[in-house]
Amino acid sequence: MSERAAALERLRTGRFDLLVVGGGIIGAGVAEVASRHGFTVALVERDDFAAGTSSASSKLIHGGLRYLRLGHFSLIREALAEVHALSRFVAPHLVRPLNFLLPVYRGGPYGRIPIRGALWSYAGLTGAVSERGRMIAPAAAAALVPALRLDGLRAAGLYPDAQTDDARLCLANLRGAADAGAVVLNRVELAGLERGPIAHLRDTSTGETFEVEARAVVNAAGPWLDDVRRLEDARAGTSVALSRGAHLVLERDGGWGAAVTIPIDRTRVAFAVPWAGRLLVGTTDSAFEGDARTIEPTEEEERQILDEAGLALEAGALGPVRARFAGVRVLPVGTVATARAHRETMLSSGALGMVSVAGPPTAASRWR
C-alpha cells in the first residue's frame, strides 16, 4: 500500500480531535501544535501544500517599519517576537538575519529625523537595544548595495530583520505534524459540513467522497476562507477582504550586503531583496476580487514594480525579469485602503462551531 493510500485509509476510518482545512502556513502551524500536544489531527488541502500565499510572499519575516506610522504597535511587537521564535527555536535552518537599508532621499516621504526615531522605536518594542538600527552615510549605504541610486540620497537607515523560505517553512510545519502522528493529505477538499461535526471530503484525484468525524474543525483556507464558511452555513456573509501583491524576480549583478526598503509614499513601501542568487522586487498592494488560484502579475503591475524599484535603484542595475508571481493577502472585511489595513490574525466561529482563522502568511509561530 502506498503512503498516500495508507493516509487516505486512516482518514476514512479514523475519528479525530481536530480537522484542519487548508495546507498553508496557518493550517500547517495549527496542525503541528495540536499534534505535538497529543491531539489526533487530520489536515486536508485541496491543491498543493503552500500553493497560495504561503509560497507567494516577499520571503520576509518582519514587523514592518512602516506600521509604526500607522500605529500598529501590537502587530510590530508580535511580528518581531515571531522573528525571534522562528530564528532561535522553531526553524533556525530556514530563517536567516538580513539587514535592510531604508534610503532617505531629498523630497521623499520621510526625512532623517523621523527615520532615526522610527529605528529607535522599532528596536524598543522588543527591547533589542543591542540590535538597534542606525543612520549611515550615503557612501556606507552604497558599499552595502552597489545598485543604490545616489542622486539626492541624504542618508539611509540600517536595521536588522529576517528572511525565510516561505514554502519550506510551511512544509516543515506539515512534516512536524505528520511526525507527531497527524494525517496530512493534499488533493483532498472539504465538500460539505454537517452537525457533529461531520465533514464530507472529496479526493480530487479520484473523485471519491467519504465522511470524517471530528470533535472540532479549523478553517485555515486563506483567500477561500469564506467559501469554506458557506459550506458550514450557506447564509454566512463575507468576513475578509483580499489584497493582491505582485513580485518580480530579476537577474542580480554583484553582491548585496543588505536588502532595500523603498518608501513609495507615507503608507506604502516596496522591497528589493536578494533571494536565491537573484533579486526579488515588489510588492503591489491593491484590492482583489476573483479566483486567487489563477492570479498572475499584469503588465501594468510589472511596470509599476520596476518604476517603484527605480526610486531607489539605478535603472541599469535592474536585470532582466526571470519570473513573476502574485499572492493574495487576507485582511479584515470593510478595509477601505488595503495598504493601511492591519495584518493581524483574525478568528471567528460559525453556526456548527467551526473556527475560521485568517492572517498573514508567516503566522505559524503565533500558535506556539
Protein backbone atom coordinates (compact mmCIF):
# COMPACT_ATOMS: atom_id res chain seq x y z
CA MET A 1 0.00 0.00 0.00
CA SER A 2 1.38 3.42 -0.96
CA GLU A 3 1.95 6.09 1.66
CA ARG A 4 -0.92 8.17 0.25
CA ALA A 5 -3.27 5.19 0.21
CA ALA A 6 -2.38 4.43 3.82
CA ALA A 7 -3.04 8.05 4.81
CA LEU A 8 -6.38 8.03 2.99
CA GLU A 9 -7.37 4.85 4.82
CA ARG A 10 -6.52 6.47 8.16
CA LEU A 11 -8.59 9.49 7.14
CA ARG A 12 -11.61 7.37 6.11
CA THR A 13 -11.64 5.16 9.18
CA GLY A 14 -10.37 7.44 11.93
CA ARG A 15 -12.14 9.80 14.31
CA PHE A 16 -10.20 12.95 15.05
CA ASP A 17 -9.99 15.57 17.74
CA LEU A 18 -9.28 18.20 15.09
CA LEU A 19 -9.77 18.51 11.33
CA VAL A 20 -7.80 21.36 9.75
CA VAL A 21 -8.93 22.61 6.34
CA GLY A 22 -6.10 24.32 4.44
CA GLY A 23 -2.45 23.40 3.94
CA GLY A 24 -0.91 26.86 4.02
CA ILE A 25 1.27 28.16 6.84
CA ILE A 26 -1.59 28.86 9.25
CA GLY A 27 -3.19 25.44 8.81
CA ALA A 28 0.22 23.78 8.98
CA GLY A 29 1.09 25.64 12.18
CA VAL A 30 -2.23 24.76 13.83
CA ALA A 31 -1.84 21.08 12.89
CA GLU A 32 1.74 20.89 14.15
CA VAL A 33 0.98 22.46 17.52
CA ALA A 34 -2.18 20.40 18.08
CA SER A 35 -0.42 17.16 17.12
CA ARG A 36 2.56 17.92 19.34
CA HIS A 37 0.19 18.45 22.28
CA GLY A 38 -1.31 15.00 21.88
CA PHE A 39 -4.47 15.62 19.86
CA THR A 40 -5.43 13.37 16.96
CA VAL A 41 -5.30 15.63 13.90
CA ALA A 42 -6.13 15.44 10.22
CA LEU A 43 -5.24 18.18 7.74
CA VAL A 44 -6.61 18.34 4.20
CA GLU A 45 -5.62 20.66 1.34
CA ARG A 46 -7.45 20.68 -1.98
CA ASP A 47 -4.39 21.75 -4.02
CA ASP A 48 -0.67 21.51 -3.28
CA PHE A 49 0.63 22.38 0.16
CA ALA A 50 1.63 26.07 0.34
CA ALA A 51 0.09 26.56 -3.11
CA GLY A 52 -1.33 30.01 -2.34
CA THR A 53 0.05 32.96 -0.41
CA SER A 54 2.33 30.71 1.64
CA SER A 55 4.61 30.35 -1.39
CA ALA A 56 3.95 33.79 -2.91
CA SER A 57 5.09 36.17 -0.18
CA SER A 58 8.03 38.58 -0.09
CA LYS A 59 10.03 35.85 1.73
CA LEU A 60 10.35 38.10 4.79
CA ILE A 61 9.53 37.73 8.47
CA HIS A 62 9.18 41.29 9.64
CA GLY A 63 7.18 43.63 11.80
CA GLY A 64 7.16 46.27 9.12
CA LEU A 65 8.86 49.53 9.98
CA ARG A 66 6.12 51.42 8.16
CA TYR A 67 3.50 50.16 10.63
CA LEU A 68 4.94 52.50 13.26
CA ARG A 69 3.40 55.46 11.48
CA LEU A 70 0.10 53.59 11.16
CA GLY A 71 0.08 52.97 14.91
CA HIS A 72 0.02 49.16 14.62
CA PHE A 73 2.32 48.70 17.62
CA SER A 74 0.94 45.35 18.82
CA LEU A 75 1.39 43.91 15.33
CA ILE A 76 5.03 45.02 15.24
CA ARG A 77 5.73 43.63 18.70
CA GLU A 78 4.17 40.27 17.84
CA ALA A 79 5.93 40.01 14.49
CA LEU A 80 9.34 40.86 15.93
CA ALA A 81 8.77 38.27 18.66
CA GLU A 82 7.95 35.85 15.84
CA VAL A 83 11.30 36.58 14.21
CA HIS A 84 13.00 35.67 17.49
CA ALA A 85 10.99 32.44 17.91
CA LEU A 86 11.48 31.25 14.35
CA SER A 87 15.17 32.09 14.11
CA ARG A 88 16.15 30.73 17.54
CA PHE A 89 13.84 27.80 18.20
CA VAL A 90 11.29 26.85 15.54
CA ALA A 91 13.20 26.84 12.24
CA PRO A 92 16.72 28.29 12.58
CA HIS A 93 17.73 26.37 9.45
CA LEU A 94 15.10 28.24 7.41
CA VAL A 95 15.47 31.77 8.80
CA ARG A 96 18.48 33.98 8.33
CA PRO A 97 19.18 37.52 9.51
CA LEU A 98 19.14 40.15 6.80
CA ASN A 99 19.97 43.82 7.15
CA PHE A 100 17.72 46.36 5.45
CA LEU A 101 18.51 49.79 4.09
CA LEU A 102 15.84 52.47 4.12
CA PRO A 103 17.16 55.30 1.91
CA VAL A 104 16.24 58.89 2.69
CA TYR A 105 16.04 60.99 -0.49
CA ARG A 106 15.63 64.71 -0.86
CA GLY A 107 11.91 65.35 -1.36
CA GLY A 108 11.00 61.81 -0.26
CA PRO A 109 8.12 60.91 2.08
CA TYR A 110 10.41 60.68 5.16
CA GLY A 111 13.32 62.70 6.48
CA ARG A 112 16.32 61.68 8.54
CA ILE A 113 14.90 62.65 11.93
CA PRO A 114 11.66 60.64 11.61
CA ILE A 115 13.58 57.61 10.34
CA ARG A 116 16.08 57.84 13.21
CA GLY A 117 13.20 57.98 15.69
CA ALA A 118 11.46 55.07 13.98
CA LEU A 119 14.58 52.91 14.25
CA TRP A 120 14.82 53.56 17.98
CA SER A 121 11.12 52.82 18.47
CA TYR A 122 11.32 49.69 16.33
CA ALA A 123 14.05 48.18 18.49
CA GLY A 124 12.41 49.41 21.68
CA LEU A 125 9.26 47.38 21.01
CA THR A 126 11.28 44.20 21.60
CA GLY A 127 13.91 45.57 23.97
CA ALA A 128 16.60 44.62 21.45
CA VAL A 129 18.80 47.60 22.23
CA SER A 130 21.91 45.73 21.08
CA GLU A 131 20.31 45.30 17.64
CA ARG A 132 19.06 48.85 17.31
CA GLY A 133 19.16 50.28 13.80
CA ARG A 134 21.20 53.33 12.96
CA MET A 135 21.59 56.02 10.32
CA ILE A 136 24.50 55.66 7.91
CA ALA A 137 26.03 57.96 5.29
CA PRO A 138 25.35 57.56 1.54
CA ALA A 139 28.82 56.13 0.90
CA ALA A 140 28.32 53.41 3.53
CA ALA A 141 24.89 52.61 2.08
CA ALA A 142 26.33 52.30 -1.45
CA ALA A 143 29.01 49.93 -0.14
CA LEU A 144 26.25 47.60 1.06
CA VAL A 145 24.05 47.97 -2.03
CA PRO A 146 26.13 48.97 -5.09
CA ALA A 147 22.95 49.40 -7.16
CA LEU A 148 21.62 52.11 -4.83
CA ARG A 149 20.68 55.38 -6.54
CA LEU A 150 22.90 58.11 -5.06
CA ASP A 151 21.27 61.13 -6.71
CA GLY A 152 19.51 63.04 -3.93
CA LEU A 153 20.41 60.46 -1.28
CA ARG A 154 20.84 62.21 2.08
CA ALA A 155 21.33 59.20 4.36
CA ALA A 156 19.93 55.72 4.96
CA GLY A 157 18.53 53.85 7.89
CA LEU A 158 20.08 50.45 8.51
CA TYR A 159 18.16 47.94 10.61
CA PRO A 160 18.07 44.16 11.18
CA ASP A 161 15.29 41.88 10.04
CA ALA A 162 14.97 38.32 8.76
CA GLN A 163 14.26 36.28 5.65
CA THR A 164 12.79 32.81 5.19
CA ASP A 165 11.84 30.31 2.52
CA ASP A 166 8.07 30.59 2.93
CA ALA A 167 7.11 27.32 1.22
CA ARG A 168 9.77 25.28 3.03
CA LEU A 169 8.69 26.79 6.36
CA CYS A 170 5.14 25.62 5.63
CA LEU A 171 6.34 22.13 4.67
CA ALA A 172 8.48 21.93 7.82
CA ASN A 173 5.38 22.55 9.94
CA LEU A 174 3.47 19.90 7.99
CA ARG A 175 6.35 17.45 8.42
CA GLY A 176 6.34 18.16 12.14
CA ALA A 177 2.60 17.50 12.30
CA ALA A 178 2.98 14.22 10.42
CA ASP A 179 5.90 13.16 12.61
CA ALA A 180 3.67 13.77 15.66
CA GLY A 181 1.00 11.45 14.22
CA ALA A 182 -1.23 13.73 12.14
CA VAL A 183 -2.81 12.60 8.88
CA VAL A 184 -1.69 15.18 6.33
CA LEU A 185 -3.11 14.99 2.79
CA ASN A 186 -3.24 17.26 -0.21
CA ARG A 187 -5.65 16.89 -3.15
CA VAL A 188 -8.49 16.35 -0.66
CA GLU A 189 -11.16 19.04 -0.34
CA LEU A 190 -13.97 19.79 2.07
CA ALA A 191 -17.22 19.36 0.15
CA GLY A 192 -19.69 19.84 2.99
CA LEU A 193 -20.08 20.07 6.75
CA GLU A 194 -22.95 18.98 8.97
CA ARG A 195 -23.67 18.89 12.68
CA GLY A 196 -21.43 16.56 14.62
CA PRO A 197 -19.30 17.92 13.13
CA ILE A 198 -19.16 15.51 10.24
CA ALA A 199 -17.04 16.60 7.28
CA HIS A 200 -17.81 15.43 3.75
CA LEU A 201 -14.46 15.12 1.96
CA ARG A 202 -13.60 14.50 -1.68
CA ASP A 203 -10.37 13.05 -3.05
CA THR A 204 -9.87 15.35 -6.06
CA SER A 205 -7.56 12.81 -7.72
CA THR A 206 -10.20 10.07 -7.92
CA GLY A 207 -13.49 11.83 -7.15
CA GLU A 208 -14.14 9.51 -4.21
CA THR A 209 -16.19 11.04 -1.38
CA PHE A 210 -16.30 9.95 2.26
CA GLU A 211 -17.19 11.25 5.71
CA VAL A 212 -14.87 12.11 8.61
CA GLU A 213 -15.92 12.77 12.19
CA ALA A 214 -14.01 15.31 14.26
CA ARG A 215 -14.58 16.97 17.62
CA ALA A 216 -13.59 20.34 16.11
CA VAL A 217 -12.86 21.86 12.71
CA VAL A 218 -10.47 24.71 11.95
CA ASN A 219 -10.91 26.61 8.70
CA ALA A 220 -7.50 27.87 7.56
CA ALA A 221 -8.34 28.21 3.87
CA GLY A 222 -6.78 31.66 3.43
CA PRO A 223 -8.34 33.54 0.49
CA TRP A 224 -11.04 30.84 0.31
CA LEU A 225 -11.97 31.23 3.98
CA ASP A 226 -15.49 32.45 3.22
CA ASP A 227 -16.09 29.67 0.68
CA VAL A 228 -15.45 27.16 3.46
CA ARG A 229 -17.60 29.14 5.92
CA ARG A 230 -20.51 28.86 3.48
CA LEU A 231 -20.16 25.07 3.48
CA GLU A 232 -20.98 25.26 7.18
CA ASP A 233 -23.73 27.85 6.73
CA ALA A 234 -24.96 28.93 3.30
CA ARG A 235 -26.06 32.24 4.83
CA ALA A 236 -22.58 33.12 6.08
CA GLY A 237 -21.57 36.54 4.80
CA THR A 238 -18.22 37.99 3.86
CA SER A 239 -15.69 38.12 6.68
CA VAL A 240 -12.44 39.01 4.91
CA ALA A 241 -11.17 41.30 2.18
CA LEU A 242 -8.37 40.41 -0.21
CA SER A 243 -5.33 42.40 -1.27
CA ARG A 244 -3.17 41.47 -4.24
CA GLY A 245 0.63 41.58 -4.04
CA ALA A 246 2.75 41.02 -7.16
CA HIS A 247 6.50 40.39 -7.32
CA LEU A 248 9.21 40.12 -9.96
CA VAL A 249 12.39 38.04 -9.85
CA LEU A 250 15.28 39.78 -11.64
CA GLU A 251 18.85 38.91 -12.51
CA ARG A 252 21.22 40.44 -9.96
CA ASP A 253 24.67 41.88 -10.59
CA GLY A 254 27.26 41.94 -7.82
CA GLY A 255 26.99 41.23 -4.14
CA TRP A 256 24.33 42.80 -1.95
CA GLY A 257 25.10 43.23 1.75
CA ALA A 258 21.53 44.29 2.57
CA ALA A 259 18.01 44.40 1.20
CA VAL A 260 16.34 47.73 0.43
CA THR A 261 13.05 49.06 1.80
CA ILE A 262 11.81 51.60 -0.75
CA PRO A 263 9.40 54.29 0.56
CA ILE A 264 6.70 54.87 -2.05
CA ASP A 265 4.56 57.29 -0.05
CA ARG A 266 3.71 57.77 3.62
CA THR A 267 1.79 54.48 3.69
CA ARG A 268 3.33 52.05 1.20
CA VAL A 269 6.81 50.62 0.79
CA ALA A 270 8.29 48.21 -1.74
CA PHE A 271 11.20 45.83 -1.30
CA ALA A 272 14.30 44.83 -3.24
CA VAL A 273 15.56 41.65 -1.59
CA PRO A 274 18.46 39.38 -2.57
CA TRP A 275 16.93 35.94 -2.98
CA ALA A 276 18.41 32.64 -4.20
CA GLY A 277 21.11 34.36 -6.27
CA ARG A 278 18.65 36.81 -7.82
CA LEU A 279 16.71 39.91 -6.81
CA LEU A 280 13.11 39.85 -5.63
CA VAL A 281 11.34 43.19 -6.14
CA GLY A 282 7.80 44.31 -5.25
CA THR A 283 5.21 44.36 -3.91
CA THR A 284 1.97 45.93 -5.07
CA ASP A 285 -0.98 46.39 -2.73
CA SER A 286 -4.43 46.66 -4.28
CA ALA A 287 -7.90 45.30 -3.57
CA PHE A 288 -8.56 41.96 -5.26
CA GLU A 289 -11.70 40.12 -6.31
CA GLY A 290 -11.69 36.89 -8.26
CA ASP A 291 -10.15 33.43 -8.19
CA ALA A 292 -6.95 33.57 -6.15
CA ARG A 293 -5.73 30.33 -7.75
CA THR A 294 -5.25 31.88 -11.16
CA ILE A 295 -3.75 35.30 -10.48
CA GLU A 296 -0.70 36.40 -12.44
CA PRO A 297 1.06 39.78 -12.40
CA THR A 298 -0.23 42.06 -15.14
CA GLU A 299 1.90 44.15 -17.48
CA GLU A 300 0.70 47.23 -15.60
CA GLU A 301 1.86 45.74 -12.29
CA GLU A 302 5.22 44.84 -13.80
CA ARG A 303 5.73 48.43 -14.96
CA GLN A 304 4.66 49.71 -11.54
CA ILE A 305 7.10 47.42 -9.71
CA LEU A 306 10.02 48.40 -11.95
CA ASP A 307 9.16 52.10 -11.67
CA GLU A 308 9.00 51.86 -7.88
CA ALA A 309 12.27 49.93 -7.72
CA GLY A 310 13.80 52.74 -9.78
CA LEU A 311 13.04 55.19 -6.97
CA ALA A 312 15.97 53.69 -5.04
CA LEU A 313 17.95 51.61 -7.55
CA GLU A 314 19.83 52.62 -10.67
CA ALA A 315 17.86 51.61 -13.75
CA GLY A 316 20.93 49.98 -15.28
CA ALA A 317 21.28 47.75 -12.23
CA LEU A 318 17.89 46.11 -12.74
CA GLY A 319 18.50 42.95 -14.72
CA PRO A 320 16.07 41.03 -16.94
CA VAL A 321 12.87 39.69 -15.43
CA ARG A 322 13.24 35.93 -14.97
CA ALA A 323 9.99 35.13 -13.12
CA ARG A 324 6.76 36.70 -11.91
CA PHE A 325 4.37 35.69 -9.17
CA ALA A 326 1.47 37.13 -7.22
CA GLY A 327 -0.17 36.32 -3.91
CA VAL A 328 -3.29 37.39 -2.06
CA ARG A 329 -3.30 38.79 1.47
CA VAL A 330 -6.28 38.19 3.74
CA LEU A 331 -7.41 41.39 5.50
CA PRO A 332 -10.32 42.41 7.76
CA VAL A 333 -13.58 42.96 5.93
CA GLY A 334 -14.51 46.60 5.48
CA THR A 335 -10.94 47.62 4.71
CA VAL A 336 -11.05 50.88 2.77
CA ALA A 337 -7.36 51.21 1.87
CA THR A 338 -5.59 47.85 1.73
CA ALA A 339 -2.19 49.45 2.35
CA ARG A 340 -3.41 50.80 5.71
CA ALA A 341 -5.16 47.64 6.90
CA HIS A 342 -3.96 45.65 9.91
CA ARG A 343 -2.04 42.46 9.06
CA GLU A 344 -3.26 40.58 12.11
CA THR A 345 -4.65 37.14 12.83
CA MET A 346 -8.47 37.08 12.85
CA LEU A 347 -10.70 34.46 14.49
CA SER A 348 -14.41 33.75 14.05
CA SER A 349 -16.78 30.92 14.93
CA GLY A 350 -19.60 29.58 12.77
CA ALA A 351 -23.04 28.04 13.28
CA LEU A 352 -21.65 24.50 13.81
CA GLY A 353 -18.68 25.66 15.86
CA MET A 354 -16.07 25.67 13.11
CA VAL A 355 -13.29 28.14 13.94
CA SER A 356 -12.07 30.20 10.98
CA VAL A 357 -8.55 31.62 11.15
CA ALA A 358 -7.14 34.20 8.78
CA GLY A 359 -3.97 36.22 8.93
CA PRO A 360 -0.56 37.00 7.50
CA PRO A 361 1.44 34.26 5.75
CA THR A 362 4.09 33.91 8.48
CA ALA A 363 1.67 33.49 11.36
CA ALA A 364 2.58 29.90 12.27
CA SER A 365 4.74 30.66 15.28
CA ARG A 366 1.98 32.73 16.89
CA TRP A 367 0.28 29.46 17.76
CA ARG A 368 3.23 28.27 19.84
